[in-house]
Amino acid sequence: MRLYDYPASGNCYKARLLLALLRQPYERVPVDIFAGDTLTPEFGRLNPARETPILELDDGEVIVQSNAVLWYLGEGSE
C-alpha cells in the first residue's frame, strides 16, 4: 500500500499516525503541493480533486480524503 502524503498536512499526519499505530507497512510517496506535484496528469488520475492524502491499495484501488482513509484502515484492523 502507498500513502501519497504532503508532510505539513494535518490530514496526512492523521493517516501516517494511524498507519504507525496499526503497524501497517506502507510506502510513503511524498507530494510537494507547492512544486506542482498535484498538477501532474498521473496525480490527477489518482485523485481528480488533486488533494492529499491518497491511500493506494496493492490492487490499485485508491481511497481519497483523510476520513475515508482512516475509516478504511480502522475497519481493516478489527
PDB file of N, CA and C in Angstrom:
ATOM      1  N   MET A   1       0.851  -1.154   0.000  1.00  0.00           N
ATOM      2  CA  MET A   1       0.000   0.000   0.000  1.00  0.00           C
ATOM      3  C   MET A   1       0.902   1.224   0.000  1.00  0.00           C
ATOM      4  N   ARG A   2       0.401   2.286  -0.641  1.00  0.00           N
ATOM      5  CA  ARG A   2       1.154   3.543  -0.743  1.00  0.00           C
ATOM      6  C   ARG A   2       0.310   4.684  -0.186  1.00  0.00           C
ATOM      7  N   LEU A   3       0.980   5.566   0.529  1.00  0.00           N
ATOM      8  CA  LEU A   3       0.329   6.771   1.018  1.00  0.00           C
ATOM      9  C   LEU A   3       0.971   7.966   0.331  1.00  0.00           C
ATOM     10  N   TYR A   4       0.190   8.662  -0.480  1.00  0.00           N
ATOM     11  CA  TYR A   4       0.638   9.907  -1.107  1.00  0.00           C
ATOM     12  C   TYR A   4       0.392  10.997  -0.072  1.00  0.00           C
ATOM     13  N   ASP A   5       1.480  11.669   0.312  1.00  0.00           N
ATOM     14  CA  ASP A   5       1.484  12.409   1.558  1.00  0.00           C
ATOM     15  C   ASP A   5       2.215  13.737   1.416  1.00  0.00           C
ATOM     16  N   TYR A   6       1.540  14.812   1.842  1.00  0.00           N
ATOM     17  CA  TYR A   6       2.196  16.113   1.963  1.00  0.00           C
ATOM     18  C   TYR A   6       2.563  16.273   3.441  1.00  0.00           C
ATOM     19  N   PRO A   7       3.864  16.310   3.769  1.00  0.00           N
ATOM     20  CA  PRO A   7       4.307  16.233   5.166  1.00  0.00           C
ATOM     21  C   PRO A   7       3.698  17.270   6.115  1.00  0.00           C
ATOM     22  N   ALA A   8       3.413  18.476   5.646  1.00  0.00           N
ATOM     23  CA  ALA A   8       2.912  19.523   6.532  1.00  0.00           C
ATOM     24  C   ALA A   8       1.395  19.476   6.733  1.00  0.00           C
ATOM     25  N   SER A   9       0.729  18.564   6.070  1.00  0.00           N
ATOM     26  CA  SER A   9      -0.727  18.474   6.149  1.00  0.00           C
ATOM     27  C   SER A   9      -1.169  17.730   7.401  1.00  0.00           C
ATOM     28  N   GLY A  10      -2.059  18.338   8.159  1.00  0.00           N
ATOM     29  CA  GLY A  10      -2.626  17.676   9.325  1.00  0.00           C
ATOM     30  C   GLY A  10      -3.423  16.438   8.949  1.00  0.00           C
ATOM     31  N   ASN A  11      -4.117  16.492   7.818  1.00  0.00           N
ATOM     32  CA  ASN A  11      -4.889  15.336   7.378  1.00  0.00           C
ATOM     33  C   ASN A  11      -3.977  14.176   6.991  1.00  0.00           C
ATOM     34  N   CYS A  12      -2.861  14.475   6.354  1.00  0.00           N
ATOM     35  CA  CYS A  12      -1.893  13.425   6.021  1.00  0.00           C
ATOM     36  C   CYS A  12      -1.263  12.872   7.295  1.00  0.00           C
ATOM     37  N   TYR A  13      -1.009  13.741   8.250  1.00  0.00           N
ATOM     38  CA  TYR A  13      -0.436  13.302   9.524  1.00  0.00           C
ATOM     39  C   TYR A  13      -1.342  12.278  10.198  1.00  0.00           C
ATOM     40  N   LYS A  14      -2.648  12.519  10.178  1.00  0.00           N
ATOM     41  CA  LYS A  14      -3.586  11.578  10.797  1.00  0.00           C
ATOM     42  C   LYS A  14      -3.465  10.199  10.156  1.00  0.00           C
ATOM     43  N   ALA A  15      -3.335  10.160   8.837  1.00  0.00           N
ATOM     44  CA  ALA A  15      -3.202   8.875   8.143  1.00  0.00           C
ATOM     45  C   ALA A  15      -1.874   8.202   8.517  1.00  0.00           C
ATOM     46  N   ARG A  16      -0.778   8.969   8.520  1.00  0.00           N
ATOM     47  CA  ARG A  16       0.524   8.412   8.904  1.00  0.00           C
ATOM     48  C   ARG A  16       0.492   7.888  10.338  1.00  0.00           C
ATOM     49  N   LEU A  17      -0.133   8.651  11.228  1.00  0.00           N
ATOM     50  CA  LEU A  17      -0.204   8.261  12.634  1.00  0.00           C
ATOM     51  C   LEU A  17      -0.970   6.952  12.803  1.00  0.00           C
ATOM     52  N   LEU A  18      -2.119   6.831  12.157  1.00  0.00           N
ATOM     53  CA  LEU A  18      -2.898   5.603  12.299  1.00  0.00           C
ATOM     54  C   LEU A  18      -2.151   4.422  11.695  1.00  0.00           C
ATOM     55  N   LEU A  19      -1.506   4.619  10.554  1.00  0.00           N
ATOM     56  CA  LEU A  19      -0.710   3.536   9.973  1.00  0.00           C
ATOM     57  C   LEU A  19       0.388   3.088  10.951  1.00  0.00           C
ATOM     58  N   ALA A  20       1.023   4.044  11.613  1.00  0.00           N
ATOM     59  CA  ALA A  20       2.069   3.708  12.580  1.00  0.00           C
ATOM     60  C   ALA A  20       1.481   2.980  13.788  1.00  0.00           C
ATOM     61  N   LEU A  21       0.365   3.468  14.306  1.00  0.00           N
ATOM     62  CA  LEU A  21      -0.256   2.833  15.464  1.00  0.00           C
ATOM     63  C   LEU A  21      -0.706   1.411  15.153  1.00  0.00           C
ATOM     64  N   LEU A  22      -1.159   1.189  13.912  1.00  0.00           N
ATOM     65  CA  LEU A  22      -1.595  -0.146  13.497  1.00  0.00           C
ATOM     66  C   LEU A  22      -0.433  -1.021  13.037  1.00  0.00           C
ATOM     67  N   ARG A  23       0.753  -0.412  12.970  1.00  0.00           N
ATOM     68  CA  ARG A  23       1.957  -1.110  12.495  1.00  0.00           C
ATOM     69  C   ARG A  23       1.755  -1.701  11.108  1.00  0.00           C
ATOM     70  N   GLN A  24       1.109  -0.927  10.282  1.00  0.00           N
ATOM     71  CA  GLN A  24       0.859  -1.327   8.896  1.00  0.00           C
ATOM     72  C   GLN A  24       2.043  -0.916   8.032  1.00  0.00           C
ATOM     73  N   PRO A  25       2.627  -1.840   7.299  1.00  0.00           N
ATOM     74  CA  PRO A  25       3.691  -1.440   6.378  1.00  0.00           C
ATOM     75  C   PRO A  25       3.092  -0.697   5.185  1.00  0.00           C
ATOM     76  N   TYR A  26       3.778   0.337   4.751  1.00  0.00           N
ATOM     77  CA  TYR A  26       3.320   1.094   3.595  1.00  0.00           C
ATOM     78  C   TYR A  26       4.492   1.849   3.003  1.00  0.00           C
ATOM     79  N   GLU A  27       4.325   2.218   1.753  1.00  0.00           N
ATOM     80  CA  GLU A  27       5.312   3.051   1.082  1.00  0.00           C
ATOM     81  C   GLU A  27       4.817   4.489   1.134  1.00  0.00           C
ATOM     82  N   ARG A  28       5.660   5.382   1.593  1.00  0.00           N
ATOM     83  CA  ARG A  28       5.295   6.795   1.642  1.00  0.00           C
ATOM     84  C   ARG A  28       5.774   7.469   0.374  1.00  0.00           C
ATOM     85  N   VAL A  29       4.841   8.134  -0.309  1.00  0.00           N
ATOM     86  CA  VAL A  29       5.168   8.875  -1.523  1.00  0.00           C
ATOM     87  C   VAL A  29       4.997  10.353  -1.199  1.00  0.00           C
ATOM     88  N   PRO A  30       6.112  11.068  -0.988  1.00  0.00           N
ATOM     89  CA  PRO A  30       5.996  12.489  -0.648  1.00  0.00           C
ATOM     90  C   PRO A  30       5.453  13.292  -1.823  1.00  0.00           C
ATOM     91  N   VAL A  31       4.551  14.205  -1.517  1.00  0.00           N
ATOM     92  CA  VAL A  31       3.937  15.074  -2.525  1.00  0.00           C
ATOM     93  C   VAL A  31       4.217  16.517  -2.117  1.00  0.00           C
ATOM     94  N   ASP A  32       4.824  17.271  -3.017  1.00  0.00           N
ATOM     95  CA  ASP A  32       5.091  18.692  -2.757  1.00  0.00           C
ATOM     96  C   ASP A  32       4.045  19.512  -3.507  1.00  0.00           C
ATOM     97  N   ILE A  33       3.039  19.972  -2.766  1.00  0.00           N
ATOM     98  CA  ILE A  33       1.945  20.686  -3.431  1.00  0.00           C
ATOM     99  C   ILE A  33       2.410  22.020  -4.011  1.00  0.00           C
ATOM    100  N   PHE A  34       3.432  22.612  -3.426  1.00  0.00           N
ATOM    101  CA  PHE A  34       3.902  23.902  -3.916  1.00  0.00           C
ATOM    102  C   PHE A  34       4.811  23.773  -5.133  1.00  0.00           C
ATOM    103  N   ALA A  35       5.346  22.592  -5.352  1.00  0.00           N
ATOM    104  CA  ALA A  35       6.169  22.346  -6.544  1.00  0.00           C
ATOM    105  C   ALA A  35       5.322  21.864  -7.717  1.00  0.00           C
ATOM    106  N   GLY A  36       4.017  21.727  -7.503  1.00  0.00           N
ATOM    107  CA  GLY A  36       3.123  21.321  -8.584  1.00  0.00           C
ATOM    108  C   GLY A  36       2.931  19.830  -8.725  1.00  0.00           C
ATOM    109  N   ASP A  37       3.347  19.053  -7.719  1.00  0.00           N
ATOM    110  CA  ASP A  37       3.194  17.597  -7.816  1.00  0.00           C
ATOM    111  C   ASP A  37       1.744  17.164  -8.017  1.00  0.00           C
ATOM    112  N   THR A  38       0.797  17.912  -7.463  1.00  0.00           N
ATOM    113  CA  THR A  38      -0.612  17.523  -7.589  1.00  0.00           C
ATOM    114  C   THR A  38      -1.205  17.931  -8.938  1.00  0.00           C
ATOM    115  N   LEU A  39      -0.443  18.667  -9.733  1.00  0.00           N
ATOM    116  CA  LEU A  39      -0.945  19.142 -11.021  1.00  0.00           C
ATOM    117  C   LEU A  39      -0.569  18.229 -12.185  1.00  0.00           C
ATOM    118  N   THR A  40       0.156  17.156 -11.916  1.00  0.00           N
ATOM    119  CA  THR A  40       0.571  16.252 -12.990  1.00  0.00           C
ATOM    120  C   THR A  40      -0.604  15.381 -13.437  1.00  0.00           C
ATOM    121  N   PRO A  41      -0.579  14.929 -14.678  1.00  0.00           N
ATOM    122  CA  PRO A  41      -1.638  14.021 -15.135  1.00  0.00           C
ATOM    123  C   PRO A  41      -1.695  12.730 -14.309  1.00  0.00           C
ATOM    124  N   GLU A  42      -0.542  12.224 -13.890  1.00  0.00           N
ATOM    125  CA  GLU A  42      -0.508  10.995 -13.101  1.00  0.00           C
ATOM    126  C   GLU A  42      -1.235  11.173 -11.769  1.00  0.00           C
ATOM    127  N   PHE A  43      -0.989  12.300 -11.114  1.00  0.00           N
ATOM    128  CA  PHE A  43      -1.658  12.556  -9.845  1.00  0.00           C
ATOM    129  C   PHE A  43      -3.155  12.747 -10.072  1.00  0.00           C
ATOM    130  N   GLY A  44      -3.522  13.425 -11.141  1.00  0.00           N
ATOM    131  CA  GLY A  44      -4.935  13.631 -11.456  1.00  0.00           C
ATOM    132  C   GLY A  44      -5.684  12.339 -11.693  1.00  0.00           C
ATOM    133  N   ARG A  45      -5.001  11.320 -12.207  1.00  0.00           N
ATOM    134  CA  ARG A  45      -5.648  10.019 -12.391  1.00  0.00           C
ATOM    135  C   ARG A  45      -5.911   9.350 -11.041  1.00  0.00           C
ATOM    136  N   LEU A  46      -5.038   9.586 -10.063  1.00  0.00           N
ATOM    137  CA  LEU A  46      -5.255   9.020  -8.730  1.00  0.00           C
ATOM    138  C   LEU A  46      -6.393   9.732  -8.007  1.00  0.00           C
ATOM    139  N   ASN A  47      -6.403  11.058  -8.108  1.00  0.00           N
ATOM    140  CA  ASN A  47      -7.427  11.845  -7.423  1.00  0.00           C
ATOM    141  C   ASN A  47      -7.723  13.093  -8.259  1.00  0.00           C
ATOM    142  N   PRO A  48      -8.830  13.088  -8.985  1.00  0.00           N
ATOM    143  CA  PRO A  48      -9.170  14.250  -9.809  1.00  0.00           C
ATOM    144  C   PRO A  48      -9.313  15.546  -9.009  1.00  0.00           C
ATOM    145  N   ALA A  49      -9.591  15.446  -7.696  1.00  0.00           N
ATOM    146  CA  ALA A  49      -9.677  16.644  -6.863  1.00  0.00           C
ATOM    147  C   ALA A  49      -8.284  17.178  -6.522  1.00  0.00           C
ATOM    148  N   ARG A  50      -7.249  16.358  -6.787  1.00  0.00           N
ATOM    149  CA  ARG A  50      -5.839  16.752  -6.621  1.00  0.00           C
ATOM    150  C   ARG A  50      -5.494  17.124  -5.177  1.00  0.00           C
ATOM    151  N   GLU A  51      -6.040  16.341  -4.246  1.00  0.00           N
ATOM    152  CA  GLU A  51      -5.800  16.577  -2.818  1.00  0.00           C
ATOM    153  C   GLU A  51      -5.057  15.391  -2.207  1.00  0.00           C
ATOM    154  N   THR A  52      -4.411  15.651  -1.095  1.00  0.00           N
ATOM    155  CA  THR A  52      -3.788  14.587  -0.308  1.00  0.00           C
ATOM    156  C   THR A  52      -4.530  14.481   1.014  1.00  0.00           C
ATOM    157  N   PRO A  53      -4.500  13.353   1.669  1.00  0.00           N
ATOM    158  CA  PRO A  53      -3.781  12.140   1.347  1.00  0.00           C
ATOM    159  C   PRO A  53      -4.549  11.261   0.367  1.00  0.00           C
ATOM    160  N   ILE A  54      -3.796  10.370  -0.251  1.00  0.00           N
ATOM    161  CA  ILE A  54      -4.359   9.310  -1.084  1.00  0.00           C
ATOM    162  C   ILE A  54      -3.752   8.011  -0.595  1.00  0.00           C
ATOM    163  N   LEU A  55      -4.581   7.033  -0.332  1.00  0.00           N
ATOM    164  CA  LEU A  55      -4.101   5.699   0.009  1.00  0.00           C
ATOM    165  C   LEU A  55      -4.345   4.814  -1.203  1.00  0.00           C
ATOM    166  N   GLU A  56      -3.266   4.311  -1.796  1.00  0.00           N
ATOM    167  CA  GLU A  56      -3.372   3.401  -2.938  1.00  0.00           C
ATOM    168  C   GLU A  56      -3.124   1.988  -2.434  1.00  0.00           C
ATOM    169  N   LEU A  57      -4.110   1.132  -2.628  1.00  0.00           N
ATOM    170  CA  LEU A  57      -4.012  -0.247  -2.166  1.00  0.00           C
ATOM    171  C   LEU A  57      -3.211  -1.076  -3.155  1.00  0.00           C
ATOM    172  N   ASP A  58      -2.803  -2.244  -2.731  1.00  0.00           N
ATOM    173  CA  ASP A  58      -1.975  -3.106  -3.575  1.00  0.00           C
ATOM    174  C   ASP A  58      -2.679  -3.527  -4.854  1.00  0.00           C
ATOM    175  N   ASP A  59      -4.011  -3.564  -4.833  1.00  0.00           N
ATOM    176  CA  ASP A  59      -4.757  -3.948  -6.041  1.00  0.00           C
ATOM    177  C   ASP A  59      -5.028  -2.767  -6.971  1.00  0.00           C
ATOM    178  N   GLY A  60      -4.512  -1.579  -6.624  1.00  0.00           N
ATOM    179  CA  GLY A  60      -4.679  -0.391  -7.459  1.00  0.00           C
ATOM    180  C   GLY A  60      -5.844   0.492  -7.061  1.00  0.00           C
ATOM    181  N   GLU A  61      -6.719   0.014  -6.171  1.00  0.00           N
ATOM    182  CA  GLU A  61      -7.829   0.847  -5.690  1.00  0.00           C
ATOM    183  C   GLU A  61      -7.254   2.025  -4.917  1.00  0.00           C
ATOM    184  N   VAL A  62      -7.877   3.191  -5.057  1.00  0.00           N
ATOM    185  CA  VAL A  62      -7.428   4.364  -4.317  1.00  0.00           C
ATOM    186  C   VAL A  62      -8.532   4.852  -3.396  1.00  0.00           C
ATOM    187  N   ILE A  63      -8.111   5.317  -2.239  1.00  0.00           N
ATOM    188  CA  ILE A  63      -9.025   5.899  -1.261  1.00  0.00           C
ATOM    189  C   ILE A  63      -8.537   7.319  -1.022  1.00  0.00           C
ATOM    190  N   VAL A  64      -9.433   8.271  -1.230  1.00  0.00           N
ATOM    191  CA  VAL A  64      -9.095   9.684  -1.076  1.00  0.00           C
ATOM    192  C   VAL A  64      -9.875  10.262   0.096  1.00  0.00           C
ATOM    193  N   GLN A  65      -9.415  11.399   0.581  1.00  0.00           N
ATOM    194  CA  GLN A  65      -9.987  12.088   1.730  1.00  0.00           C
ATOM    195  C   GLN A  65      -9.550  11.399   3.018  1.00  0.00           C
ATOM    196  N   SER A  66      -9.042  12.163   3.937  1.00  0.00           N
ATOM    197  CA  SER A  66      -8.455  11.598   5.154  1.00  0.00           C
ATOM    198  C   SER A  66      -9.455  10.777   5.956  1.00  0.00           C
ATOM    199  N   ASN A  67     -10.685  11.232   6.071  1.00  0.00           N
ATOM    200  CA  ASN A  67     -11.663  10.475   6.859  1.00  0.00           C
ATOM    201  C   ASN A  67     -11.947   9.115   6.238  1.00  0.00           C
ATOM    202  N   ALA A  68     -12.004   9.041   4.922  1.00  0.00           N
ATOM    203  CA  ALA A  68     -12.215   7.757   4.249  1.00  0.00           C
ATOM    204  C   ALA A  68     -11.012   6.845   4.452  1.00  0.00           C
ATOM    205  N   VAL A  69      -9.811   7.402   4.408  1.00  0.00           N
ATOM    206  CA  VAL A  69      -8.594   6.616   4.643  1.00  0.00           C
ATOM    207  C   VAL A  69      -8.612   6.074   6.070  1.00  0.00           C
ATOM    208  N   LEU A  70      -8.919   6.925   7.036  1.00  0.00           N
ATOM    209  CA  LEU A  70      -8.967   6.494   8.436  1.00  0.00           C
ATOM    210  C   LEU A  70     -10.028   5.410   8.650  1.00  0.00           C
ATOM    211  N   TRP A  71     -11.179   5.594   8.046  1.00  0.00           N
ATOM    212  CA  TRP A  71     -12.263   4.614   8.166  1.00  0.00           C
ATOM    213  C   TRP A  71     -11.812   3.272   7.600  1.00  0.00           C
ATOM    214  N   TYR A  72     -11.219   3.305   6.398  1.00  0.00           N
ATOM    215  CA  TYR A  72     -10.760   2.070   5.762  1.00  0.00           C
ATOM    216  C   TYR A  72      -9.744   1.354   6.653  1.00  0.00           C
ATOM    217  N   LEU A  73      -8.764   2.084   7.142  1.00  0.00           N
ATOM    218  CA  LEU A  73      -7.736   1.474   7.990  1.00  0.00           C
ATOM    219  C   LEU A  73      -8.325   0.951   9.290  1.00  0.00           C
ATOM    220  N   GLY A  74      -9.256   1.693   9.880  1.00  0.00           N
ATOM    221  CA  GLY A  74      -9.887   1.255  11.115  1.00  0.00           C
ATOM    222  C   GLY A  74     -10.726   0.009  10.930  1.00  0.00           C
ATOM    223  N   GLU A  75     -11.430  -0.077   9.814  1.00  0.00           N
ATOM    224  CA  GLU A  75     -12.250  -1.271   9.530  1.00  0.00           C
ATOM    225  C   GLU A  75     -11.376  -2.494   9.358  1.00  0.00           C
ATOM    226  N   GLY A  76     -10.211  -2.313   8.745  1.00  0.00           N
ATOM    227  CA  GLY A  76      -9.319  -3.442   8.500  1.00  0.00           C
ATOM    228  C   GLY A  76      -8.595  -3.921   9.732  1.00  0.00           C
ATOM    229  N   SER A  77      -8.621  -3.140  10.795  1.00  0.00           N
ATOM    230  CA  SER A  77      -7.875  -3.518  11.995  1.00  0.00           C
ATOM    231  C   SER A  77      -8.724  -4.333  12.968  1.00  0.00           C
ATOM    232  N   GLU A  78      -9.995  -4.483  12.676  1.00  0.00           N
ATOM    233  CA  GLU A  78     -10.883  -5.222  13.608  1.00  0.00           C
ATOM    234  C   GLU A  78     -10.656  -6.704  13.532  1.00  0.00           C
TER     235      GLU A  78
END
